[in-house]
Amino acid sequence: MLQCKNCGEKLTKFQKERCPYCGCEKPIEDMVDISDTTQTIEQIRDEELEFSEKSLKTYNIFSILLGLFSADLFYLGFKTQGFMRLLINFGIWLIAFLTIFLIDNSLVIIAIFVPLAVLYLVYVIYGLFKLIKQNRIKDKNGVHLK
């Protein structure tokens, strides 16, 4: 806050022509700022981040290597989302393996394993992207990973 040089009252920057308290002209000519820095420090202390016992490195490893099995979501505690991803992936695997057993052709086997390999590669790239991006990741309770 700015302060009147004559009476010491707190003023806004819009009251630079005349002090409403003492009538002094140009009360903030020297632009003296008397803001309380202890309040700012206390606000920063209050806003310190809480960190989970779970590790960001472990999360990244799970995301890169076991993202196909939803290990990263289960690690953070997102059981419903992890189960849904796992269910979708197992559905894709089931369709692929049933197609292999129903059609006896070597080209079909290659054509089915290519999408599975692409799916795994997508999860690896996604995990690497999260590793490079390194933004704060929170677990189910909203606590940041350390």
C-alpha atoms as a PDB file:
ATOM      1  CA  MET A   1       0.000   0.000   0.000  1.00  0.00           C
ATOM      2  CA  LEU A   2       1.032   3.551  -0.608  1.00  0.00           C
ATOM      3  CA  GLN A   3       1.238   6.015   2.260  1.00  0.00           C
ATOM      4  CA  CYS A   4       0.639   9.764   2.509  1.00  0.00           C
ATOM      5  CA  LYS A   5       3.920  11.578   3.140  1.00  0.00           C
ATOM      6  CA  ASN A   6       2.147  14.103   5.400  1.00  0.00           C
ATOM      7  CA  CYS A   7      -0.274  12.146   7.621  1.00  0.00           C
ATOM      8  CA  GLY A   8       0.878   8.556   7.033  1.00  0.00           C
ATOM      9  CA  GLU A   9      -2.548   7.212   6.052  1.00  0.00           C
ATOM     10  CA  LYS A  10      -2.770   4.410   3.511  1.00  0.00           C
ATOM     11  CA  LEU A  11      -3.729   5.561   0.018  1.00  0.00           C
ATOM     12  CA  THR A  12      -4.446   3.977  -3.318  1.00  0.00           C
ATOM     13  CA  LYS A  13      -2.566   4.842  -6.485  1.00  0.00           C
ATOM     14  CA  PHE A  14      -5.638   6.780  -7.656  1.00  0.00           C
ATOM     15  CA  GLN A  15      -5.333   9.253  -4.756  1.00  0.00           C
ATOM     16  CA  LYS A  16      -2.053  10.705  -5.978  1.00  0.00           C
ATOM     17  CA  GLU A  17      -3.314  14.291  -6.481  1.00  0.00           C
ATOM     18  CA  ARG A  18      -4.769  15.002  -3.023  1.00  0.00           C
ATOM     19  CA  CYS A  19      -4.909  13.056   0.268  1.00  0.00           C
ATOM     20  CA  PRO A  20      -8.554  12.570   1.345  1.00  0.00           C
ATOM     21  CA  TYR A  21      -7.499  12.539   5.015  1.00  0.00           C
ATOM     22  CA  CYS A  22      -5.305  15.611   5.445  1.00  0.00           C
ATOM     23  CA  GLY A  23      -5.781  17.475   2.150  1.00  0.00           C
ATOM     24  CA  CYS A  24      -2.075  17.427   1.283  1.00  0.00           C
ATOM     25  CA  GLU A  25      -1.328  17.919  -2.411  1.00  0.00           C
ATOM     26  CA  LYS A  26       0.662  15.157  -4.155  1.00  0.00           C
ATOM     27  CA  PRO A  27       0.724  12.904  -1.060  1.00  0.00           C
ATOM     28  CA  ILE A  28       2.488   9.998  -2.784  1.00  0.00           C
ATOM     29  CA  GLU A  29       5.091  11.973  -4.663  1.00  0.00           C
ATOM     30  CA  ASP A  30       7.914   9.756  -3.456  1.00  0.00           C
ATOM     31  CA  MET A  31       5.846   6.572  -4.086  1.00  0.00           C
ATOM     32  CA  VAL A  32       6.680   4.962  -0.747  1.00  0.00           C
ATOM     33  CA  ASP A  33       5.421   1.373  -0.626  1.00  0.00           C
ATOM     34  CA  ILE A  34       4.751  -0.023   2.851  1.00  0.00           C
ATOM     35  CA  SER A  35       3.455  -3.480   1.949  1.00  0.00           C
ATOM     36  CA  ASP A  36       3.868  -6.127   4.614  1.00  0.00           C
ATOM     37  CA  THR A  37       6.150  -8.863   3.317  1.00  0.00           C
ATOM     38  CA  THR A  38       5.434 -11.196   6.234  1.00  0.00           C
ATOM     39  CA  GLN A  39       1.882 -11.660   4.994  1.00  0.00           C
ATOM     40  CA  THR A  40       3.205 -12.686   1.588  1.00  0.00           C
ATOM     41  CA  ILE A  41       5.619 -15.197   3.126  1.00  0.00           C
ATOM     42  CA  GLU A  42       2.856 -16.688   5.286  1.00  0.00           C
ATOM     43  CA  GLN A  43       0.666 -17.120   2.186  1.00  0.00           C
ATOM     44  CA  ILE A  44       3.472 -18.956   0.409  1.00  0.00           C
ATOM     45  CA  ARG A  45       3.938 -21.226   3.432  1.00  0.00           C
ATOM     46  CA  ASP A  46       0.225 -21.979   3.533  1.00  0.00           C
ATOM     47  CA  GLU A  47       0.250 -22.909  -0.163  1.00  0.00           C
ATOM     48  CA  GLU A  48       3.144 -25.378   0.073  1.00  0.00           C
ATOM     49  CA  LEU A  49       2.463 -28.541  -1.875  1.00  0.00           C
ATOM     50  CA  GLU A  50       1.746 -31.768  -0.081  1.00  0.00           C
ATOM     51  CA  PHE A  51       3.512 -34.758  -1.538  1.00  0.00           C
ATOM     52  CA  SER A  52       2.360 -38.351  -1.627  1.00  0.00           C
ATOM     53  CA  GLU A  53       4.476 -41.295  -0.556  1.00  0.00           C
ATOM     54  CA  LYS A  54       4.196 -42.553  -4.119  1.00  0.00           C
ATOM     55  CA  SER A  55       7.135 -41.891  -6.423  1.00  0.00           C
ATOM     56  CA  LEU A  56       6.975 -40.089  -9.754  1.00  0.00           C
ATOM     57  CA  LYS A  57       9.768 -42.341 -11.079  1.00  0.00           C
ATOM     58  CA  THR A  58       7.788 -45.469 -10.267  1.00  0.00           C
ATOM     59  CA  TYR A  59       4.722 -43.969 -11.914  1.00  0.00           C
ATOM     60  CA  ASN A  60       6.729 -43.202 -15.085  1.00  0.00           C
ATOM     61  CA  ILE A  61       8.151 -46.734 -15.202  1.00  0.00           C
ATOM     62  CA  PHE A  62       4.673 -48.221 -14.797  1.00  0.00           C
ATOM     63  CA  SER A  63       3.344 -45.881 -17.455  1.00  0.00           C
ATOM     64  CA  ILE A  64       6.024 -46.766 -20.008  1.00  0.00           C
ATOM     65  CA  LEU A  65       6.395 -50.505 -19.434  1.00  0.00           C
ATOM     66  CA  LEU A  66       3.029 -51.564 -18.022  1.00  0.00           C
ATOM     67  CA  GLY A  67       0.654 -48.925 -19.355  1.00  0.00           C
ATOM     68  CA  LEU A  68      -0.966 -51.598 -21.476  1.00  0.00           C
ATOM     69  CA  PHE A  69      -2.030 -53.331 -18.255  1.00  0.00           C
ATOM     70  CA  SER A  70      -3.151 -50.042 -16.578  1.00  0.00           C
ATOM     71  CA  ALA A  71      -0.517 -50.388 -13.866  1.00  0.00           C
ATOM     72  CA  ASP A  72       0.025 -46.625 -13.809  1.00  0.00           C
ATOM     73  CA  LEU A  73      -3.653 -45.911 -13.079  1.00  0.00           C
ATOM     74  CA  PHE A  74      -3.849 -48.622 -10.428  1.00  0.00           C
ATOM     75  CA  TYR A  75      -0.683 -47.197  -8.815  1.00  0.00           C
ATOM     76  CA  LEU A  76      -2.319 -43.776  -8.478  1.00  0.00           C
ATOM     77  CA  GLY A  77      -5.497 -45.309  -7.079  1.00  0.00           C
ATOM     78  CA  PHE A  78      -7.766 -44.755 -10.082  1.00  0.00           C
ATOM     79  CA  LYS A  79      -9.210 -48.266  -9.973  1.00  0.00           C
ATOM     80  CA  THR A  80     -12.310 -47.620 -12.078  1.00  0.00           C
ATOM     81  CA  GLN A  81     -10.398 -45.937 -14.910  1.00  0.00           C
ATOM     82  CA  GLY A  82      -7.677 -48.586 -14.736  1.00  0.00           C
ATOM     83  CA  PHE A  83     -10.234 -51.361 -14.901  1.00  0.00           C
ATOM     84  CA  MET A  84     -11.957 -49.721 -17.884  1.00  0.00           C
ATOM     85  CA  ARG A  85      -8.665 -49.389 -19.778  1.00  0.00           C
ATOM     86  CA  LEU A  86      -7.756 -52.953 -18.907  1.00  0.00           C
ATOM     87  CA  LEU A  87     -11.164 -54.189 -20.063  1.00  0.00           C
ATOM     88  CA  ILE A  88     -10.830 -52.405 -23.415  1.00  0.00           C
ATOM     89  CA  ASN A  89      -7.310 -53.755 -23.937  1.00  0.00           C
ATOM     90  CA  PHE A  90      -8.334 -57.310 -23.033  1.00  0.00           C
ATOM     91  CA  GLY A  91     -11.265 -56.979 -25.435  1.00  0.00           C
ATOM     92  CA  ILE A  92      -8.860 -56.103 -28.229  1.00  0.00           C
ATOM     93  CA  TRP A  93      -6.575 -59.012 -27.270  1.00  0.00           C
ATOM     94  CA  LEU A  94      -9.503 -61.418 -27.090  1.00  0.00           C
ATOM     95  CA  ILE A  95     -10.715 -60.453 -30.553  1.00  0.00           C
ATOM     96  CA  ALA A  96      -7.185 -60.842 -31.902  1.00  0.00           C
ATOM     97  CA  PHE A  97      -6.634 -64.288 -30.393  1.00  0.00           C
ATOM     98  CA  LEU A  98     -10.071 -65.570 -31.368  1.00  0.00           C
ATOM     99  CA  THR A  99      -9.365 -64.503 -34.928  1.00  0.00           C
ATOM    100  CA  ILE A 100      -6.093 -66.437 -34.850  1.00  0.00           C
ATOM    101  CA  PHE A 101      -7.819 -69.648 -33.770  1.00  0.00           C
ATOM    102  CA  LEU A 102     -10.729 -69.271 -36.189  1.00  0.00           C
ATOM    103  CA  ILE A 103      -8.663 -68.540 -39.277  1.00  0.00           C
ATOM    104  CA  ASP A 104      -5.668 -70.748 -39.927  1.00  0.00           C
ATOM    105  CA  ASN A 105      -3.482 -68.531 -42.070  1.00  0.00           C
ATOM    106  CA  SER A 106      -0.013 -67.173 -41.318  1.00  0.00           C
ATOM    107  CA  LEU A 107      -0.801 -63.764 -42.831  1.00  0.00           C
ATOM    108  CA  VAL A 108      -3.751 -63.352 -40.472  1.00  0.00           C
ATOM    109  CA  ILE A 109      -1.476 -63.983 -37.497  1.00  0.00           C
ATOM    110  CA  ILE A 110       0.822 -61.200 -38.640  1.00  0.00           C
ATOM    111  CA  ALA A 111      -2.127 -58.922 -39.345  1.00  0.00           C
ATOM    112  CA  ILE A 112      -3.416 -59.437 -35.806  1.00  0.00           C
ATOM    113  CA  PHE A 113      -0.132 -59.053 -33.948  1.00  0.00           C
ATOM    114  CA  VAL A 114       0.664 -55.790 -35.739  1.00  0.00           C
ATOM    115  CA  PRO A 115      -2.302 -53.947 -34.105  1.00  0.00           C
ATOM    116  CA  LEU A 116      -1.322 -55.382 -30.717  1.00  0.00           C
ATOM    117  CA  ALA A 117       2.244 -54.189 -31.215  1.00  0.00           C
ATOM    118  CA  VAL A 118       0.956 -50.779 -32.286  1.00  0.00           C
ATOM    119  CA  LEU A 119      -1.246 -50.631 -29.172  1.00  0.00           C
ATOM    120  CA  TYR A 120       1.741 -51.416 -26.956  1.00  0.00           C
ATOM    121  CA  LEU A 121       3.847 -48.847 -28.810  1.00  0.00           C
ATOM    122  CA  VAL A 122       1.147 -46.205 -28.250  1.00  0.00           C
ATOM    123  CA  TYR A 123       1.316 -46.820 -24.487  1.00  0.00           C
ATOM    124  CA  VAL A 124       5.127 -46.647 -24.534  1.00  0.00           C
ATOM    125  CA  ILE A 125       5.061 -43.332 -26.432  1.00  0.00           C
ATOM    126  CA  TYR A 126       2.363 -42.011 -24.093  1.00  0.00           C
ATOM    127  CA  GLY A 127       4.491 -42.964 -21.058  1.00  0.00           C
ATOM    128  CA  LEU A 128       7.589 -41.343 -22.560  1.00  0.00           C
ATOM    129  CA  PHE A 129       5.601 -38.198 -23.321  1.00  0.00           C
ATOM    130  CA  LYS A 130       4.482 -37.981 -19.690  1.00  0.00           C
ATOM    131  CA  LEU A 131       8.080 -38.547 -18.586  1.00  0.00           C
ATOM    132  CA  ILE A 132       9.376 -35.717 -20.781  1.00  0.00           C
ATOM    133  CA  LYS A 133       6.541 -33.321 -19.976  1.00  0.00           C
ATOM    134  CA  GLN A 134       7.068 -33.749 -16.206  1.00  0.00           C
ATOM    135  CA  ASN A 135       4.067 -31.771 -15.052  1.00  0.00           C
ATOM    136  CA  ARG A 136       2.772 -32.371 -11.545  1.00  0.00           C
ATOM    137  CA  ILE A 137       0.800 -35.588 -11.370  1.00  0.00           C
ATOM    138  CA  LYS A 138      -1.676 -36.161  -8.558  1.00  0.00           C
ATOM    139  CA  ASP A 139      -2.953 -39.384  -7.092  1.00  0.00           C
ATOM    140  CA  LYS A 140      -6.590 -40.181  -6.372  1.00  0.00           C
ATOM    141  CA  ASN A 141      -6.547 -38.058  -3.196  1.00  0.00           C
ATOM    142  CA  GLY A 142      -5.268 -34.997  -5.097  1.00  0.00           C
ATOM    143  CA  VAL A 143      -1.790 -35.165  -3.562  1.00  0.00           C
ATOM    144  CA  HIS A 144       1.243 -34.592  -5.789  1.00  0.00           C
ATOM    145  CA  LEU A 145       3.729 -37.397  -6.379  1.00  0.00           C
ATOM    146  CA  LYS A 146       7.226 -36.811  -5.035  1.00  0.00           C
END
